[in-house]
Amino acid sequence: MLKLNGRGVVITSSPFDAIVKPNLVITVLAMRTLRDLEAAELNPEELIYKANGIGDNYETDLANNVTIYTVQDDAGNTIYLPQTYVRSRLDTGGNEFVEKTIGVSIGLIPQGYLMDELEAKVIELIQDTINITPKVVSINSSATITISDEDANIINARLRTPDMTSCRVKYRQLLKALDSLKCKYKALECKITNS
């Protein structure tokens, strides 16, 4: 059985194996019985069964209260998939994963401010932390706001002067100090061994 909002690949039997290829990533958008679809006047017999050449199976699946999965691939194509034609679950390995997004509000920034350096630092931080290269996209989350010259000067000064006491800067300084100590230790170790 597939899970609502589940995402991954699934193996189906004929004729759906021609539509849902084994490497096609899908998302389960909805799960409804044939009776639910009939009540919504969607005519699942025509839309799903006869359209896929399996019209003879409709009455049996209706009597067995079969679930119909509404799935969508990454291209936006919607597929109605009867439960009886699903041969494997999305999480065949038993491990469930979700795609994560981190939203970060950085406040008011001048309209023409280039985000390249900040985006590169975010990518570097995530790579260093979890060994994944993220896709970073900067978007405007508000309409353009006009502020006073005094407020603009304060924001611009902050953008020009990075916080040298940030954890990242301290971390890099500690790594340099550690490397220096390791070199001194090796030199001392060599002196002791050669004495």
Protein backbone atom coordinates (compact mmCIF):
# COMPACT_ATOMS: atom_id res chain seq x y z
CA MET A 1 0.00 0.00 0.00
CA LEU A 2 1.26 3.47 -0.86
CA LYS A 3 1.18 6.36 1.61
CA LEU A 4 -0.44 9.74 1.11
CA ASN A 5 2.23 12.31 0.20
CA GLY A 6 4.72 9.44 -0.27
CA ARG A 7 7.40 10.15 -2.87
CA GLY A 8 9.63 7.72 -4.70
CA VAL A 9 9.55 4.97 -7.30
CA VAL A 10 7.07 2.12 -7.49
CA ILE A 11 6.73 -1.04 -9.58
CA THR A 12 3.37 -1.62 -11.27
CA SER A 13 1.91 -4.44 -13.32
CA SER A 14 0.55 -4.28 -16.88
CA PRO A 15 -0.84 -2.04 -18.33
CA PHE A 16 0.37 0.58 -15.82
CA ASP A 17 3.99 -0.52 -16.12
CA ALA A 18 4.04 1.25 -19.51
CA ILE A 19 2.98 4.50 -17.82
CA VAL A 20 4.72 4.26 -14.43
CA LYS A 21 8.25 3.18 -15.36
CA PRO A 22 10.37 1.66 -12.54
CA ASN A 23 12.64 4.74 -12.43
CA LEU A 24 9.81 7.32 -12.53
CA VAL A 25 9.66 9.34 -9.32
CA ILE A 26 6.06 9.90 -8.26
CA THR A 27 4.24 11.62 -5.42
CA VAL A 28 0.99 10.22 -4.01
CA LEU A 29 -1.46 13.12 -4.05
CA ALA A 30 -4.65 11.31 -3.07
CA MET A 31 -6.08 7.92 -2.12
CA ARG A 32 -9.76 7.28 -2.80
CA THR A 33 -11.92 4.23 -3.33
CA LEU A 34 -13.75 3.64 -6.60
CA ARG A 35 -17.00 4.42 -4.78
CA ASP A 36 -15.57 7.78 -3.65
CA LEU A 37 -14.64 8.59 -7.24
CA GLU A 38 -18.08 7.59 -8.46
CA ALA A 39 -19.70 9.77 -5.78
CA ALA A 40 -17.56 12.68 -7.02
CA GLU A 41 -18.92 11.95 -10.54
CA LEU A 42 -15.46 11.27 -11.99
CA ASN A 43 -16.52 8.06 -13.80
CA PRO A 44 -13.49 5.91 -12.88
CA GLU A 45 -14.69 3.06 -15.10
CA GLU A 46 -14.14 5.19 -18.23
CA LEU A 47 -11.33 7.39 -16.93
CA ILE A 48 -9.13 4.63 -15.50
CA TYR A 49 -10.27 1.13 -16.41
CA LYS A 50 -11.55 1.37 -19.99
CA ALA A 51 -8.92 3.98 -20.89
CA ASN A 52 -6.22 1.46 -19.93
CA GLY A 53 -7.89 -1.58 -21.50
CA ILE A 54 -8.84 -3.22 -18.18
CA GLY A 55 -12.58 -2.48 -18.22
CA ASP A 56 -13.41 -6.14 -17.44
CA ASN A 57 -11.81 -5.76 -13.99
CA TYR A 58 -13.87 -2.76 -12.92
CA GLU A 59 -16.79 -4.57 -11.26
CA THR A 60 -14.47 -6.88 -9.31
CA ASP A 61 -12.37 -3.97 -8.06
CA LEU A 62 -15.52 -2.01 -7.22
CA ALA A 63 -16.86 -4.96 -5.18
CA ASN A 64 -13.49 -5.28 -3.40
CA ASN A 65 -13.47 -1.57 -2.54
CA VAL A 66 -10.11 -1.05 -4.28
CA THR A 67 -8.17 2.15 -3.55
CA ILE A 68 -7.23 4.38 -6.46
CA TYR A 69 -4.00 6.35 -6.00
CA THR A 70 -3.73 9.71 -7.66
CA VAL A 71 -0.01 10.10 -8.34
CA GLN A 72 1.99 12.78 -10.08
CA ASP A 73 5.43 12.67 -11.62
CA ASP A 74 7.95 15.53 -11.47
CA ALA A 75 6.79 16.78 -14.89
CA GLY A 76 3.29 17.32 -13.44
CA ASN A 77 1.59 14.40 -15.21
CA THR A 78 -1.27 12.96 -13.15
CA ILE A 79 -1.86 9.20 -13.17
CA TYR A 80 -4.72 7.26 -11.58
CA LEU A 81 -3.36 3.97 -10.33
CA PRO A 82 -5.57 1.16 -8.93
CA GLN A 83 -4.13 -0.52 -5.84
CA THR A 84 -4.43 -3.95 -7.49
CA TYR A 85 -1.79 -2.95 -10.07
CA VAL A 86 0.84 -1.83 -7.54
CA ARG A 87 3.49 -4.53 -7.07
CA SER A 88 5.83 -2.72 -4.67
CA ARG A 89 5.67 0.05 -2.12
CA LEU A 90 7.39 3.40 -2.53
CA ASP A 91 9.63 2.63 0.43
CA THR A 92 10.80 -0.80 -0.75
CA GLY A 93 13.90 -0.57 1.42
CA GLY A 94 11.83 0.30 4.46
CA ASN A 95 13.44 3.73 4.84
CA GLU A 96 11.34 6.84 4.49
CA PHE A 97 12.91 10.05 3.25
CA VAL A 98 11.50 13.50 2.58
CA GLU A 99 12.90 16.40 0.64
CA LYS A 100 13.77 19.22 3.05
CA THR A 101 13.84 22.95 2.43
CA ILE A 102 15.25 25.56 4.78
CA GLY A 103 13.73 29.02 4.53
CA VAL A 104 15.87 31.85 5.88
CA SER A 105 14.60 35.41 6.17
CA ILE A 106 17.52 37.85 6.09
CA GLY A 107 15.46 41.01 6.42
CA LEU A 108 15.64 44.12 4.29
CA ILE A 109 18.45 44.16 1.74
CA PRO A 110 19.04 46.78 -0.98
CA GLN A 111 17.25 45.88 -4.24
CA GLY A 112 20.49 45.45 -6.24
CA TYR A 113 22.49 43.61 -3.57
CA LEU A 114 24.33 40.62 -5.07
CA MET A 115 23.60 37.43 -3.14
CA ASP A 116 26.29 35.26 -4.80
CA GLU A 117 28.76 35.34 -1.89
CA LEU A 118 26.08 34.67 0.72
CA GLU A 119 24.61 31.82 -1.36
CA ALA A 120 28.10 30.29 -1.73
CA LYS A 121 28.59 30.43 2.06
CA VAL A 122 25.22 28.74 2.66
CA ILE A 123 26.16 26.00 0.18
CA GLU A 124 29.57 25.59 1.87
CA LEU A 125 28.01 25.39 5.34
CA ILE A 126 25.54 22.68 4.29
CA GLN A 127 28.25 20.74 2.43
CA ASP A 128 30.52 20.91 5.49
CA THR A 129 27.71 19.90 7.85
CA ILE A 130 25.83 17.10 6.04
CA ASN A 131 27.87 16.45 2.87
CA ILE A 132 25.06 17.45 0.52
CA THR A 133 25.29 20.14 -2.15
CA PRO A 134 22.02 22.07 -1.90
CA LYS A 135 20.24 24.10 -4.52
CA VAL A 136 20.16 27.66 -3.16
CA VAL A 137 17.75 30.16 -4.67
CA SER A 138 17.36 33.77 -3.53
CA ILE A 139 13.85 35.15 -3.82
CA ASN A 140 12.24 38.43 -2.87
CA SER A 141 9.69 37.69 -0.14
CA SER A 142 8.10 41.12 -0.08
CA ALA A 143 7.26 43.99 -2.35
CA THR A 144 9.86 46.74 -2.64
CA ILE A 145 9.87 48.84 0.53
CA THR A 146 11.13 52.43 0.62
CA ILE A 147 13.01 53.33 3.81
CA SER A 148 14.66 56.51 5.11
CA ASP A 149 18.27 57.42 4.28
CA GLU A 150 19.19 56.92 7.95
CA ASP A 151 17.81 53.34 8.01
CA ALA A 152 19.40 52.58 4.63
CA ASN A 153 22.81 53.76 5.94
CA ILE A 154 22.50 51.47 8.97
CA ILE A 155 21.64 48.44 6.79
CA ASN A 156 24.39 49.22 4.26
CA ALA A 157 26.99 49.60 7.05
CA ARG A 158 25.98 46.23 8.49
CA LEU A 159 26.31 44.58 5.06
CA ARG A 160 29.84 46.03 4.60
CA THR A 161 31.13 44.94 8.04
CA PRO A 162 30.88 41.21 8.69
CA ASP A 163 30.74 40.02 12.31
CA MET A 164 34.29 38.82 12.95
CA THR A 165 33.18 37.08 16.14
CA SER A 166 30.81 34.74 14.35
CA CYS A 167 31.06 31.03 15.11
CA ARG A 168 32.27 30.28 11.58
CA VAL A 169 35.19 32.71 11.86
CA LYS A 170 36.09 31.35 15.31
CA TYR A 171 35.90 27.79 13.94
CA ARG A 172 38.35 28.61 11.14
CA GLN A 173 40.69 30.32 13.61
CA LEU A 174 40.61 27.25 15.88
CA LEU A 175 41.36 24.94 12.94
CA LYS A 176 44.42 27.03 12.06
CA ALA A 177 45.59 26.97 15.67
CA LEU A 178 45.06 23.19 15.82
CA ASP A 179 47.08 22.68 12.62
CA SER A 180 49.87 24.79 14.11
CA LEU A 181 49.85 22.72 17.32
CA LYS A 182 49.94 19.47 15.33
CA CYS A 183 53.04 20.69 13.45
CA LYS A 184 54.75 21.67 16.71
CA TYR A 185 53.85 18.30 18.24
CA LYS A 186 55.32 16.42 15.25
CA ALA A 187 58.52 18.48 15.43
CA LEU A 188 58.84 17.84 19.15
CA GLU A 189 58.15 14.12 18.65
CA CYS A 190 60.90 13.95 16.00
CA LYS A 191 63.39 15.68 18.34
CA ILE A 192 62.63 13.23 21.17
CA THR A 193 62.91 10.18 18.91
CA ASN A 194 66.19 11.35 17.37
CA SER A 195 67.77 12.14 20.76
